[in-house]
Each structure stands twice: as structure tokens, then as C-alpha cells.
Amino acid sequence: MEPTDAQVACFEAGIKFGSLYHQFAGTPVSPASADSLTAAMEEAIENQPYCEAVTVSVRENELREAIESAGADYTELTGRFLDVMMTIDYEGVVVETSMAMEDGYPLMGVETVRE
């Protein structure tokens, strides 16, 4: 049984999220470098097939608090510092996705599927 276009589009979204998260987790980040890091993340993932748009935002308050409590000038990037939205278009099926923290864990999910 062949997967539907909607199933493939959702699978592609999962691949993009896995790539984004695991490629950049652990990267040193500070308030001064957050903008350039988010731009790099967006551009890297948008290179992948079927990816129409990626928006990455850093939760600056959480980032500053983590840095201040550690007494350093930077910290390592984790999902708790990120808000991500992504649009995938596979064969005319558009999938809108997001990543948000839930119970201390960055959950990636499908928001809408439009055919």
C-alpha cells in the first residue's frame, strides 16, 4: 500500500524537524548570536526538498535567564529556547507544523494539513 500524499507530507515535516533539532542542539548561543543562529537554522532547513518556509525564534528571556544562572556569556541551544514553525508542500498538500514546549519537552507537531 502506497502512502498518501498527506502522509508523505507529514513524514517530510518530521524529517525536517529532526534535522533542525539534532543538527543544532548543543550549539553555543548567546543573545548576541541568537539572530544569526536562527537565520542559519532557517536557511539550512529551507534547502531541503518540499520545505516552503521555516521560522525559528529564540525565547530571549529564557536564554538570558539560563546564561545569568550559569554565570557564563553563553549557553548551549536546546528546544526550551526555541519556537519553530514550518511549512511543507508535497505535491500540493500543505502541512503547517510547529514546535513548542510541553511538560519540559520540545514537542513537534502537525497543526494543519490542506490538500
N, C-alpha and C. Protein backbone atom coordinates (compact mmCIF):
# COMPACT_ATOMS: atom_id res chain seq x y z
N MET A 1 0.84 -1.17 0.00
CA MET A 1 0.00 0.00 0.00
C MET A 1 0.89 1.24 0.00
N GLU A 2 0.66 2.11 -0.94
CA GLU A 2 1.43 3.35 -1.06
C GLU A 2 0.91 4.38 -0.06
N PRO A 3 1.80 5.17 0.53
CA PRO A 3 1.32 6.24 1.42
C PRO A 3 0.63 7.33 0.60
N THR A 4 -0.32 8.00 1.24
CA THR A 4 -0.99 9.12 0.59
C THR A 4 -0.04 10.31 0.53
N ASP A 5 -0.37 11.28 -0.32
CA ASP A 5 0.44 12.50 -0.38
C ASP A 5 0.45 13.21 0.98
N ALA A 6 -0.66 13.20 1.69
CA ALA A 6 -0.72 13.84 3.01
C ALA A 6 0.21 13.12 3.99
N GLN A 7 0.25 11.81 3.93
CA GLN A 7 1.15 11.06 4.81
C GLN A 7 2.61 11.36 4.48
N VAL A 8 2.94 11.43 3.22
CA VAL A 8 4.32 11.76 2.81
C VAL A 8 4.67 13.17 3.26
N ALA A 9 3.73 14.11 3.10
CA ALA A 9 3.99 15.49 3.52
C ALA A 9 4.26 15.56 5.02
N CYS A 10 3.50 14.83 5.81
CA CYS A 10 3.72 14.81 7.27
C CYS A 10 5.06 14.14 7.60
N PHE A 11 5.39 13.08 6.89
CA PHE A 11 6.68 12.43 7.09
C PHE A 11 7.82 13.40 6.79
N GLU A 12 7.70 14.14 5.68
CA GLU A 12 8.72 15.12 5.32
C GLU A 12 8.87 16.18 6.40
N ALA A 13 7.76 16.60 6.99
CA ALA A 13 7.83 17.57 8.09
C ALA A 13 8.63 17.00 9.25
N GLY A 14 8.39 15.74 9.58
CA GLY A 14 9.14 15.10 10.66
C GLY A 14 10.63 15.03 10.38
N ILE A 15 10.97 14.74 9.15
CA ILE A 15 12.39 14.69 8.76
C ILE A 15 13.03 16.06 8.95
N LYS A 16 12.32 17.11 8.54
CA LYS A 16 12.87 18.47 8.66
C LYS A 16 13.05 18.86 10.11
N PHE A 17 12.07 18.52 10.97
CA PHE A 17 12.20 18.84 12.39
C PHE A 17 13.35 18.07 13.02
N GLY A 18 13.48 16.80 12.70
CA GLY A 18 14.59 16.02 13.25
C GLY A 18 15.93 16.59 12.84
N SER A 19 16.02 16.98 11.59
CA SER A 19 17.25 17.58 11.09
C SER A 19 17.55 18.89 11.80
N LEU A 20 16.54 19.75 11.90
CA LEU A 20 16.73 21.05 12.54
C LEU A 20 17.17 20.88 13.99
N TYR A 21 16.43 20.07 14.71
CA TYR A 21 16.71 19.95 16.14
C TYR A 21 18.06 19.30 16.41
N HIS A 22 18.30 18.17 15.79
CA HIS A 22 19.51 17.42 16.12
C HIS A 22 20.77 17.99 15.48
N GLN A 23 20.62 18.76 14.42
CA GLN A 23 21.79 19.40 13.82
C GLN A 23 22.27 20.56 14.69
N PHE A 24 21.36 21.28 15.33
CA PHE A 24 21.72 22.50 16.03
C PHE A 24 21.71 22.39 17.55
N ALA A 25 21.13 21.35 18.12
CA ALA A 25 21.14 21.19 19.57
C ALA A 25 22.58 21.14 20.06
N GLY A 26 22.85 21.88 21.11
CA GLY A 26 24.20 21.92 21.67
C GLY A 26 25.06 23.05 21.14
N THR A 27 24.58 23.76 20.12
CA THR A 27 25.33 24.88 19.57
C THR A 27 25.45 25.99 20.62
N PRO A 28 26.61 26.54 20.84
CA PRO A 28 26.72 27.67 21.76
C PRO A 28 25.89 28.85 21.26
N VAL A 29 25.11 29.45 22.17
CA VAL A 29 24.25 30.57 21.78
C VAL A 29 24.23 31.61 22.88
N SER A 30 24.18 32.85 22.48
CA SER A 30 24.08 33.98 23.39
C SER A 30 23.06 34.95 22.80
N PRO A 31 22.63 35.93 23.56
CA PRO A 31 21.73 36.92 22.97
C PRO A 31 22.35 37.60 21.74
N ALA A 32 23.64 37.81 21.74
CA ALA A 32 24.30 38.47 20.61
C ALA A 32 24.35 37.59 19.36
N SER A 33 24.35 36.27 19.53
CA SER A 33 24.45 35.38 18.37
C SER A 33 23.11 34.75 17.98
N ALA A 34 22.06 34.99 18.74
CA ALA A 34 20.78 34.32 18.51
C ALA A 34 20.22 34.61 17.12
N ASP A 35 20.27 35.86 16.67
CA ASP A 35 19.70 36.19 15.35
C ASP A 35 20.43 35.48 14.21
N SER A 36 21.75 35.46 14.28
CA SER A 36 22.48 34.82 13.19
C SER A 36 22.29 33.30 13.23
N LEU A 37 22.15 32.75 14.43
CA LEU A 37 21.92 31.30 14.54
C LEU A 37 20.55 30.94 14.00
N THR A 38 19.52 31.71 14.33
CA THR A 38 18.18 31.39 13.81
C THR A 38 18.15 31.52 12.29
N ALA A 39 18.82 32.52 11.75
CA ALA A 39 18.87 32.67 10.29
C ALA A 39 19.55 31.47 9.65
N ALA A 40 20.64 31.00 10.25
CA ALA A 40 21.35 29.83 9.72
C ALA A 40 20.46 28.59 9.78
N MET A 41 19.72 28.43 10.86
CA MET A 41 18.82 27.29 11.00
C MET A 41 17.74 27.33 9.92
N GLU A 42 17.12 28.48 9.76
CA GLU A 42 16.07 28.62 8.76
C GLU A 42 16.59 28.32 7.36
N GLU A 43 17.70 28.93 7.01
CA GLU A 43 18.24 28.75 5.66
C GLU A 43 18.68 27.32 5.41
N ALA A 44 19.26 26.67 6.41
CA ALA A 44 19.71 25.28 6.24
C ALA A 44 18.53 24.35 5.98
N ILE A 45 17.47 24.49 6.76
CA ILE A 45 16.34 23.60 6.61
C ILE A 45 15.54 23.91 5.34
N GLU A 46 15.45 25.18 4.98
CA GLU A 46 14.74 25.55 3.75
C GLU A 46 15.41 24.99 2.49
N ASN A 47 16.66 24.57 2.58
CA ASN A 47 17.34 23.93 1.45
C ASN A 47 16.76 22.56 1.14
N GLN A 48 16.11 21.94 2.10
CA GLN A 48 15.62 20.57 1.93
C GLN A 48 14.40 20.53 1.02
N PRO A 49 14.21 19.42 0.32
CA PRO A 49 13.06 19.29 -0.59
C PRO A 49 11.73 19.49 0.13
N TYR A 50 10.80 20.12 -0.56
CA TYR A 50 9.42 20.32 -0.14
C TYR A 50 9.26 21.32 1.01
N CYS A 51 10.33 21.91 1.47
CA CYS A 51 10.24 22.87 2.57
C CYS A 51 10.00 24.26 1.99
N GLU A 52 8.84 24.81 2.28
CA GLU A 52 8.46 26.13 1.76
C GLU A 52 8.93 27.26 2.66
N ALA A 53 8.84 27.07 3.97
CA ALA A 53 9.21 28.14 4.90
C ALA A 53 9.53 27.57 6.27
N VAL A 54 10.48 28.21 6.92
CA VAL A 54 10.85 27.87 8.30
C VAL A 54 11.01 29.18 9.05
N THR A 55 10.41 29.25 10.22
CA THR A 55 10.59 30.40 11.10
C THR A 55 11.08 29.90 12.44
N VAL A 56 12.24 30.37 12.85
CA VAL A 56 12.82 30.00 14.14
C VAL A 56 12.94 31.26 14.97
N SER A 57 12.41 31.21 16.19
CA SER A 57 12.53 32.33 17.13
C SER A 57 13.17 31.83 18.41
N VAL A 58 14.04 32.64 18.96
CA VAL A 58 14.67 32.30 20.25
C VAL A 58 13.88 32.98 21.35
N ARG A 59 13.56 32.23 22.37
CA ARG A 59 12.92 32.79 23.57
C ARG A 59 14.01 33.50 24.37
N GLU A 60 14.13 34.79 24.11
CA GLU A 60 15.25 35.55 24.66
C GLU A 60 15.24 35.64 26.18
N ASN A 61 14.07 35.76 26.79
CA ASN A 61 14.03 35.83 28.25
C ASN A 61 14.57 34.56 28.88
N GLU A 62 14.13 33.40 28.37
CA GLU A 62 14.63 32.13 28.89
C GLU A 62 16.13 31.99 28.65
N LEU A 63 16.57 32.45 27.49
CA LEU A 63 18.00 32.38 27.16
C LEU A 63 18.81 33.23 28.14
N ARG A 64 18.38 34.45 28.36
CA ARG A 64 19.10 35.34 29.29
C ARG A 64 19.11 34.77 30.72
N GLU A 65 17.99 34.23 31.16
CA GLU A 65 17.92 33.64 32.49
C GLU A 65 18.87 32.46 32.63
N ALA A 66 18.94 31.62 31.62
CA ALA A 66 19.84 30.46 31.68
C ALA A 66 21.29 30.90 31.73
N ILE A 67 21.62 31.91 30.96
CA ILE A 67 23.00 32.41 30.94
C ILE A 67 23.35 33.05 32.28
N GLU A 68 22.44 33.85 32.81
CA GLU A 68 22.70 34.50 34.10
C GLU A 68 22.85 33.49 35.23
N SER A 69 22.01 32.46 35.24
CA SER A 69 22.10 31.47 36.31
C SER A 69 23.35 30.62 36.21
N ALA A 70 23.89 30.49 35.01
CA ALA A 70 25.12 29.70 34.83
C ALA A 70 26.37 30.54 35.04
N GLY A 71 26.21 31.85 35.01
CA GLY A 71 27.37 32.71 35.20
C GLY A 71 28.33 32.71 34.02
N ALA A 72 27.81 32.45 32.83
CA ALA A 72 28.67 32.42 31.64
C ALA A 72 28.15 33.47 30.65
N ASP A 73 28.81 33.57 29.51
CA ASP A 73 28.40 34.50 28.47
C ASP A 73 27.53 33.84 27.41
N TYR A 74 27.34 32.53 27.50
CA TYR A 74 26.55 31.78 26.53
C TYR A 74 26.03 30.51 27.19
N THR A 75 25.17 29.82 26.48
CA THR A 75 24.72 28.50 26.91
C THR A 75 24.56 27.64 25.67
N GLU A 76 24.22 26.39 25.85
CA GLU A 76 24.02 25.55 24.67
C GLU A 76 22.55 25.56 24.27
N LEU A 77 22.33 25.52 22.98
CA LEU A 77 20.99 25.58 22.43
C LEU A 77 20.23 24.29 22.73
N THR A 78 19.03 24.43 23.27
CA THR A 78 18.12 23.31 23.46
C THR A 78 16.73 23.76 23.00
N GLY A 79 15.81 22.84 22.93
CA GLY A 79 14.47 23.14 22.49
C GLY A 79 13.74 24.12 23.38
N ARG A 80 14.14 24.23 24.63
CA ARG A 80 13.43 25.14 25.52
C ARG A 80 13.62 26.60 25.15
N PHE A 81 14.60 26.88 24.31
CA PHE A 81 14.85 28.26 23.88
C PHE A 81 14.23 28.58 22.52
N LEU A 82 13.55 27.62 21.90
CA LEU A 82 13.11 27.81 20.52
C LEU A 82 11.60 27.73 20.34
N ASP A 83 11.11 28.54 19.43
CA ASP A 83 9.77 28.39 18.85
C ASP A 83 10.02 28.21 17.36
N VAL A 84 9.43 27.18 16.78
CA VAL A 84 9.66 26.88 15.36
C VAL A 84 8.33 26.64 14.67
N MET A 85 8.21 27.21 13.49
CA MET A 85 7.07 26.93 12.61
C MET A 85 7.65 26.57 11.24
N MET A 86 6.99 25.62 10.59
CA MET A 86 7.49 25.13 9.32
C MET A 86 6.32 24.83 8.40
N THR A 87 6.51 25.12 7.11
CA THR A 87 5.52 24.80 6.09
C THR A 87 6.14 23.87 5.07
N ILE A 88 5.48 22.74 4.85
CA ILE A 88 5.92 21.74 3.89
C ILE A 88 4.86 21.67 2.78
N ASP A 89 5.30 21.60 1.53
CA ASP A 89 4.38 21.46 0.40
C ASP A 89 4.85 20.27 -0.43
N TYR A 90 4.10 19.18 -0.33
CA TYR A 90 4.42 17.97 -1.10
C TYR A 90 3.25 17.68 -2.04
N GLU A 91 3.50 17.80 -3.34
CA GLU A 91 2.50 17.50 -4.36
C GLU A 91 1.18 18.22 -4.10
N GLY A 92 1.26 19.48 -3.65
CA GLY A 92 0.07 20.27 -3.42
C GLY A 92 -0.57 20.09 -2.06
N VAL A 93 -0.05 19.20 -1.24
CA VAL A 93 -0.52 19.04 0.13
C VAL A 93 0.37 19.91 1.01
N VAL A 94 -0.25 20.88 1.70
CA VAL A 94 0.50 21.82 2.52
C VAL A 94 0.31 21.44 3.99
N VAL A 95 1.42 21.24 4.66
CA VAL A 95 1.42 20.87 6.08
C VAL A 95 2.05 22.01 6.87
N GLU A 96 1.31 22.51 7.85
CA GLU A 96 1.81 23.54 8.76
C GLU A 96 2.17 22.84 10.07
N THR A 97 3.37 23.09 10.56
CA THR A 97 3.84 22.42 11.77
C THR A 97 4.39 23.44 12.76
N SER A 98 4.57 22.98 13.99
CA SER A 98 5.19 23.85 14.99
C SER A 98 5.90 23.00 16.03
N MET A 99 6.78 23.66 16.75
CA MET A 99 7.44 23.04 17.89
C MET A 99 7.21 23.94 19.09
N ALA A 100 6.74 23.35 20.18
CA ALA A 100 6.50 24.11 21.39
C ALA A 100 6.84 23.23 22.59
N MET A 101 7.15 23.86 23.69
CA MET A 101 7.47 23.13 24.90
C MET A 101 6.18 22.62 25.54
N GLU A 102 6.21 21.37 25.97
CA GLU A 102 5.10 20.79 26.70
C GLU A 102 5.67 19.89 27.79
N ASP A 103 5.36 20.23 29.03
CA ASP A 103 5.87 19.48 30.18
C ASP A 103 7.39 19.36 30.14
N GLY A 104 8.06 20.45 29.75
CA GLY A 104 9.52 20.47 29.74
C GLY A 104 10.16 19.77 28.57
N TYR A 105 9.38 19.41 27.57
CA TYR A 105 9.91 18.69 26.42
C TYR A 105 9.50 19.40 25.13
N PRO A 106 10.41 19.55 24.18
CA PRO A 106 10.05 20.22 22.92
C PRO A 106 9.28 19.26 22.01
N LEU A 107 7.96 19.48 21.91
CA LEU A 107 7.14 18.62 21.07
C LEU A 107 6.93 19.26 19.70
N MET A 108 7.14 18.46 18.68
CA MET A 108 6.95 18.89 17.31
C MET A 108 5.66 18.27 16.82
N GLY A 109 4.83 19.08 16.19
CA GLY A 109 3.56 18.53 15.77
C GLY A 109 2.99 19.15 14.53
N VAL A 110 2.02 18.48 13.96
CA VAL A 110 1.29 18.96 12.79
C VAL A 110 0.14 19.83 13.26
N GLU A 111 0.06 21.04 12.73
CA GLU A 111 -1.04 21.95 13.06
C GLU A 111 -2.20 21.77 12.08
N THR A 112 -1.88 21.81 10.78
CA THR A 112 -2.92 21.64 9.76
C THR A 112 -2.35 20.89 8.55
N VAL A 113 -3.25 20.21 7.86
CA VAL A 113 -2.94 19.57 6.58
C VAL A 113 -4.01 20.03 5.60
N ARG A 114 -3.57 20.68 4.52
CA ARG A 114 -4.50 21.17 3.50
C ARG A 114 -4.17 20.54 2.15
N GLU A 115 -5.20 19.99 1.52
CA GLU A 115 -4.99 19.39 0.19
C GLU A 115 -5.56 20.28 -0.88
